[in-house]
Amino acid sequence: EIDDTMAKEIYHLNLDDVENYGILETQISPGPGLIIVVKAKEGKVDAVKASVEEVLQDKIGNAFYPDEKETAENAEVRVDGNLVSLFILNSEVAADADAKYAELIK
């Protein structure tokens, strides 16, 4: 479970900029698995995007296994309206996760 303290300290979110968020991360290595979806408050998308980009840089810098680093380097922070998302997923699940996300935000 990711609580507000972890969201601030580990995932760099300023909760004053956030309407709602969801963070899921696997704790098994190797095998990167991180999904972050944040609904930014009005006018706060850029600030939230910067926070999520910081998480991505952390994941690239802290990757232990080459596959983890490559997966993180291929990830990107996306903005869809006021939703900011980051998916760092291996190729086995990435396409399914992207498709499901696209379906849910329609």
N, C-alpha and C. Protein backbone atom coordinates (compact mmCIF):
# COMPACT_ATOMS: atom_id res chain seq x y z
N GLU A 1 0.84 -1.19 0.00
CA GLU A 1 0.00 0.00 0.00
C GLU A 1 0.87 1.25 0.00
N ILE A 2 0.55 2.16 -0.85
CA ILE A 2 1.25 3.44 -0.91
C ILE A 2 0.40 4.46 -0.17
N ASP A 3 0.94 5.01 0.91
CA ASP A 3 0.20 6.03 1.66
C ASP A 3 0.70 7.42 1.28
N ASP A 4 0.08 8.45 1.84
CA ASP A 4 0.43 9.82 1.47
C ASP A 4 1.88 10.16 1.80
N THR A 5 2.39 9.65 2.90
CA THR A 5 3.78 9.91 3.26
C THR A 5 4.72 9.34 2.21
N MET A 6 4.47 8.11 1.80
CA MET A 6 5.30 7.49 0.77
C MET A 6 5.15 8.24 -0.56
N ALA A 7 3.93 8.64 -0.87
CA ALA A 7 3.70 9.37 -2.12
C ALA A 7 4.54 10.64 -2.17
N LYS A 8 4.66 11.30 -1.01
CA LYS A 8 5.47 12.53 -0.95
C LYS A 8 6.96 12.22 -0.94
N GLU A 9 7.39 11.29 -0.09
CA GLU A 9 8.81 11.06 0.12
C GLU A 9 9.47 10.22 -0.97
N ILE A 10 8.80 9.20 -1.44
CA ILE A 10 9.40 8.29 -2.41
C ILE A 10 9.03 8.68 -3.84
N TYR A 11 7.79 9.11 -4.02
CA TYR A 11 7.30 9.37 -5.37
C TYR A 11 7.18 10.86 -5.68
N HIS A 12 7.70 11.70 -4.82
CA HIS A 12 7.88 13.14 -5.05
C HIS A 12 6.60 13.92 -5.32
N LEU A 13 5.45 13.41 -4.93
CA LEU A 13 4.21 14.13 -5.19
C LEU A 13 3.97 15.21 -4.14
N ASN A 14 3.66 16.39 -4.62
CA ASN A 14 3.18 17.46 -3.74
C ASN A 14 1.66 17.29 -3.71
N LEU A 15 1.15 16.79 -2.61
CA LEU A 15 -0.28 16.45 -2.55
C LEU A 15 -1.18 17.67 -2.66
N ASP A 16 -0.64 18.88 -2.51
CA ASP A 16 -1.42 20.09 -2.74
C ASP A 16 -1.74 20.28 -4.22
N ASP A 17 -0.96 19.60 -5.09
CA ASP A 17 -1.16 19.69 -6.54
C ASP A 17 -2.04 18.56 -7.08
N VAL A 18 -2.41 17.63 -6.21
CA VAL A 18 -3.03 16.38 -6.63
C VAL A 18 -4.47 16.28 -6.16
N GLU A 19 -5.35 15.93 -7.10
CA GLU A 19 -6.73 15.65 -6.74
C GLU A 19 -6.88 14.21 -6.26
N ASN A 20 -6.18 13.29 -6.96
CA ASN A 20 -6.22 11.87 -6.61
C ASN A 20 -5.02 11.20 -7.26
N TYR A 21 -4.63 10.04 -6.73
CA TYR A 21 -3.51 9.32 -7.32
C TYR A 21 -3.63 7.83 -7.03
N GLY A 22 -2.96 7.07 -7.88
CA GLY A 22 -2.82 5.63 -7.67
C GLY A 22 -1.41 5.23 -8.04
N ILE A 23 -0.77 4.48 -7.17
CA ILE A 23 0.60 4.01 -7.42
C ILE A 23 0.65 2.53 -7.08
N LEU A 24 1.10 1.75 -8.03
CA LEU A 24 1.30 0.31 -7.83
C LEU A 24 2.73 -0.02 -8.23
N GLU A 25 3.44 -0.73 -7.37
CA GLU A 25 4.81 -1.10 -7.69
C GLU A 25 5.09 -2.50 -7.17
N THR A 26 5.71 -3.31 -8.04
CA THR A 26 6.12 -4.64 -7.61
C THR A 26 7.33 -4.50 -6.70
N GLN A 27 7.48 -5.43 -5.81
CA GLN A 27 8.62 -5.42 -4.90
C GLN A 27 9.58 -6.56 -5.23
N ILE A 28 9.45 -7.11 -6.40
CA ILE A 28 10.27 -8.24 -6.81
C ILE A 28 11.27 -7.76 -7.85
N SER A 29 12.50 -8.18 -7.71
CA SER A 29 13.53 -7.78 -8.65
C SER A 29 14.27 -9.04 -9.09
N PRO A 30 14.63 -9.21 -10.37
CA PRO A 30 14.32 -8.30 -11.46
C PRO A 30 12.86 -8.41 -11.86
N GLY A 31 12.46 -7.49 -12.67
CA GLY A 31 11.08 -7.47 -13.11
C GLY A 31 10.42 -6.18 -12.74
N PRO A 32 10.78 -5.10 -13.45
CA PRO A 32 10.22 -3.81 -13.10
C PRO A 32 8.71 -3.80 -13.26
N GLY A 33 8.06 -3.16 -12.35
CA GLY A 33 6.63 -3.00 -12.43
C GLY A 33 6.22 -1.80 -11.63
N LEU A 34 5.96 -0.69 -12.31
CA LEU A 34 5.53 0.53 -11.65
C LEU A 34 4.48 1.19 -12.51
N ILE A 35 3.35 1.49 -11.90
CA ILE A 35 2.30 2.26 -12.57
C ILE A 35 1.94 3.42 -11.65
N ILE A 36 2.00 4.61 -12.19
CA ILE A 36 1.58 5.82 -11.47
C ILE A 36 0.57 6.53 -12.34
N VAL A 37 -0.57 6.84 -11.77
CA VAL A 37 -1.57 7.67 -12.45
C VAL A 37 -2.00 8.73 -11.44
N VAL A 38 -1.84 9.99 -11.83
CA VAL A 38 -2.15 11.10 -10.94
C VAL A 38 -3.13 12.02 -11.64
N LYS A 39 -4.20 12.37 -10.92
CA LYS A 39 -5.13 13.37 -11.42
C LYS A 39 -4.72 14.69 -10.78
N ALA A 40 -4.18 15.58 -11.61
CA ALA A 40 -3.69 16.87 -11.13
C ALA A 40 -4.84 17.84 -10.94
N LYS A 41 -4.69 18.70 -9.95
CA LYS A 41 -5.65 19.78 -9.77
C LYS A 41 -5.53 20.76 -10.93
N GLU A 42 -6.56 21.54 -11.13
CA GLU A 42 -6.58 22.54 -12.20
C GLU A 42 -5.33 23.41 -12.12
N GLY A 43 -4.62 23.52 -13.25
CA GLY A 43 -3.43 24.36 -13.33
C GLY A 43 -2.17 23.74 -12.76
N LYS A 44 -2.22 22.50 -12.32
CA LYS A 44 -1.07 21.86 -11.67
C LYS A 44 -0.46 20.71 -12.47
N VAL A 45 -0.90 20.55 -13.71
CA VAL A 45 -0.41 19.43 -14.53
C VAL A 45 1.11 19.48 -14.70
N ASP A 46 1.65 20.65 -14.99
CA ASP A 46 3.09 20.75 -15.21
C ASP A 46 3.87 20.40 -13.95
N ALA A 47 3.41 20.83 -12.80
CA ALA A 47 4.08 20.52 -11.54
C ALA A 47 4.04 19.02 -11.26
N VAL A 48 2.88 18.41 -11.49
CA VAL A 48 2.76 16.97 -11.27
C VAL A 48 3.63 16.21 -12.27
N LYS A 49 3.63 16.66 -13.50
CA LYS A 49 4.47 16.00 -14.52
C LYS A 49 5.94 16.05 -14.10
N ALA A 50 6.40 17.17 -13.60
CA ALA A 50 7.79 17.29 -13.15
C ALA A 50 8.07 16.31 -12.01
N SER A 51 7.13 16.15 -11.10
CA SER A 51 7.30 15.20 -10.00
C SER A 51 7.41 13.77 -10.51
N VAL A 52 6.56 13.41 -11.44
CA VAL A 52 6.56 12.05 -11.98
C VAL A 52 7.82 11.82 -12.82
N GLU A 53 8.28 12.84 -13.53
CA GLU A 53 9.54 12.71 -14.28
C GLU A 53 10.71 12.47 -13.33
N GLU A 54 10.66 13.06 -12.14
CA GLU A 54 11.69 12.83 -11.14
C GLU A 54 11.69 11.36 -10.70
N VAL A 55 10.51 10.78 -10.56
CA VAL A 55 10.41 9.36 -10.23
C VAL A 55 11.07 8.52 -11.33
N LEU A 56 10.78 8.85 -12.57
CA LEU A 56 11.37 8.11 -13.69
C LEU A 56 12.89 8.20 -13.64
N GLN A 57 13.44 9.36 -13.39
CA GLN A 57 14.90 9.50 -13.30
C GLN A 57 15.46 8.68 -12.13
N ASP A 58 14.73 8.65 -11.01
CA ASP A 58 15.14 7.81 -9.88
C ASP A 58 15.21 6.35 -10.31
N LYS A 59 14.19 5.89 -11.01
CA LYS A 59 14.12 4.48 -11.42
C LYS A 59 15.25 4.13 -12.39
N ILE A 60 15.56 5.05 -13.29
CA ILE A 60 16.67 4.81 -14.22
C ILE A 60 17.98 4.76 -13.44
N GLY A 61 18.18 5.71 -12.55
CA GLY A 61 19.43 5.78 -11.79
C GLY A 61 19.62 4.67 -10.78
N ASN A 62 18.52 4.14 -10.26
CA ASN A 62 18.61 3.10 -9.22
C ASN A 62 18.45 1.69 -9.76
N ALA A 63 18.31 1.55 -11.06
CA ALA A 63 18.12 0.21 -11.64
C ALA A 63 19.34 -0.65 -11.37
N PHE A 64 19.10 -1.85 -10.86
CA PHE A 64 20.19 -2.76 -10.53
C PHE A 64 20.51 -3.69 -11.70
N TYR A 65 19.49 -4.20 -12.35
CA TYR A 65 19.68 -5.12 -13.46
C TYR A 65 19.58 -4.37 -14.78
N PRO A 66 20.34 -4.79 -15.80
CA PRO A 66 20.30 -4.12 -17.10
C PRO A 66 18.88 -4.05 -17.69
N ASP A 67 18.10 -5.12 -17.54
CA ASP A 67 16.74 -5.11 -18.07
C ASP A 67 15.88 -4.04 -17.40
N GLU A 68 16.07 -3.86 -16.09
CA GLU A 68 15.32 -2.84 -15.37
C GLU A 68 15.66 -1.46 -15.90
N LYS A 69 16.94 -1.21 -16.11
CA LYS A 69 17.37 0.11 -16.61
C LYS A 69 16.81 0.36 -18.00
N GLU A 70 16.90 -0.64 -18.86
CA GLU A 70 16.40 -0.49 -20.22
C GLU A 70 14.90 -0.22 -20.24
N THR A 71 14.16 -0.95 -19.43
CA THR A 71 12.71 -0.75 -19.36
C THR A 71 12.39 0.65 -18.87
N ALA A 72 13.10 1.12 -17.86
CA ALA A 72 12.87 2.47 -17.34
C ALA A 72 13.24 3.53 -18.38
N GLU A 73 14.35 3.32 -19.07
CA GLU A 73 14.77 4.29 -20.08
C GLU A 73 13.78 4.39 -21.23
N ASN A 74 13.04 3.32 -21.49
CA ASN A 74 12.06 3.32 -22.57
C ASN A 74 10.69 3.84 -22.13
N ALA A 75 10.53 4.08 -20.85
CA ALA A 75 9.25 4.58 -20.34
C ALA A 75 9.17 6.09 -20.57
N GLU A 76 7.94 6.59 -20.56
CA GLU A 76 7.75 8.03 -20.70
C GLU A 76 6.59 8.49 -19.84
N VAL A 77 6.71 9.71 -19.39
CA VAL A 77 5.62 10.32 -18.64
C VAL A 77 4.63 10.86 -19.65
N ARG A 78 3.37 10.49 -19.48
CA ARG A 78 2.31 10.90 -20.41
C ARG A 78 1.34 11.82 -19.71
N VAL A 79 0.79 12.75 -20.50
CA VAL A 79 -0.24 13.65 -20.00
C VAL A 79 -1.46 13.50 -20.89
N ASP A 80 -2.59 13.22 -20.27
CA ASP A 80 -3.88 13.11 -20.96
C ASP A 80 -4.85 13.99 -20.19
N GLY A 81 -5.04 15.22 -20.67
CA GLY A 81 -5.89 16.16 -19.93
C GLY A 81 -5.22 16.49 -18.61
N ASN A 82 -5.90 16.21 -17.50
CA ASN A 82 -5.29 16.47 -16.20
C ASN A 82 -4.75 15.19 -15.55
N LEU A 83 -4.64 14.12 -16.34
CA LEU A 83 -4.04 12.87 -15.85
C LEU A 83 -2.58 12.80 -16.28
N VAL A 84 -1.71 12.50 -15.33
CA VAL A 84 -0.29 12.31 -15.59
C VAL A 84 0.01 10.86 -15.23
N SER A 85 0.65 10.14 -16.15
CA SER A 85 0.89 8.72 -15.91
C SER A 85 2.31 8.32 -16.27
N LEU A 86 2.74 7.27 -15.61
CA LEU A 86 4.03 6.65 -15.89
C LEU A 86 3.85 5.15 -15.73
N PHE A 87 4.19 4.41 -16.77
CA PHE A 87 4.16 2.95 -16.72
C PHE A 87 5.58 2.47 -16.99
N ILE A 88 6.18 1.82 -16.02
CA ILE A 88 7.47 1.16 -16.22
C ILE A 88 7.18 -0.33 -16.08
N LEU A 89 6.98 -0.96 -17.22
CA LEU A 89 6.54 -2.35 -17.24
C LEU A 89 7.34 -3.15 -18.25
N ASN A 90 7.54 -4.43 -17.97
CA ASN A 90 8.25 -5.26 -18.93
C ASN A 90 7.35 -5.52 -20.14
N SER A 91 7.97 -6.00 -21.19
CA SER A 91 7.27 -6.16 -22.47
C SER A 91 6.12 -7.16 -22.40
N GLU A 92 6.14 -8.05 -21.41
CA GLU A 92 5.08 -9.05 -21.31
C GLU A 92 3.73 -8.43 -20.96
N VAL A 93 3.72 -7.33 -20.26
CA VAL A 93 2.46 -6.73 -19.81
C VAL A 93 2.25 -5.29 -20.29
N ALA A 94 3.27 -4.68 -20.85
CA ALA A 94 3.20 -3.26 -21.21
C ALA A 94 2.07 -2.96 -22.20
N ALA A 95 1.94 -3.74 -23.25
CA ALA A 95 0.92 -3.46 -24.26
C ALA A 95 -0.48 -3.59 -23.68
N ASP A 96 -0.70 -4.62 -22.87
CA ASP A 96 -2.01 -4.80 -22.25
C ASP A 96 -2.34 -3.65 -21.30
N ALA A 97 -1.36 -3.22 -20.52
CA ALA A 97 -1.58 -2.11 -19.59
C ALA A 97 -1.88 -0.82 -20.34
N ASP A 98 -1.14 -0.54 -21.40
CA ASP A 98 -1.39 0.67 -22.20
C ASP A 98 -2.79 0.65 -22.81
N ALA A 99 -3.18 -0.51 -23.35
CA ALA A 99 -4.50 -0.63 -23.97
C ALA A 99 -5.60 -0.43 -22.93
N LYS A 100 -5.46 -1.04 -21.79
CA LYS A 100 -6.46 -0.91 -20.71
C LYS A 100 -6.56 0.55 -20.24
N TYR A 101 -5.42 1.20 -20.08
CA TYR A 101 -5.40 2.60 -19.65
C TYR A 101 -6.10 3.48 -20.68
N ALA A 102 -5.78 3.28 -21.95
CA ALA A 102 -6.41 4.06 -23.01
C ALA A 102 -7.93 3.88 -23.00
N GLU A 103 -8.37 2.66 -22.76
CA GLU A 103 -9.80 2.36 -22.70
C GLU A 103 -10.45 3.08 -21.50
N LEU A 104 -9.77 3.07 -20.37
CA LEU A 104 -10.34 3.65 -19.15
C LEU A 104 -10.43 5.18 -19.18
N ILE A 105 -9.54 5.84 -19.91
CA ILE A 105 -9.55 7.31 -19.90
C ILE A 105 -10.37 7.92 -21.02
N LYS A 106 -11.01 7.09 -21.83
CA LYS A 106 -11.84 7.61 -22.93
C LYS A 106 -12.93 8.52 -22.41
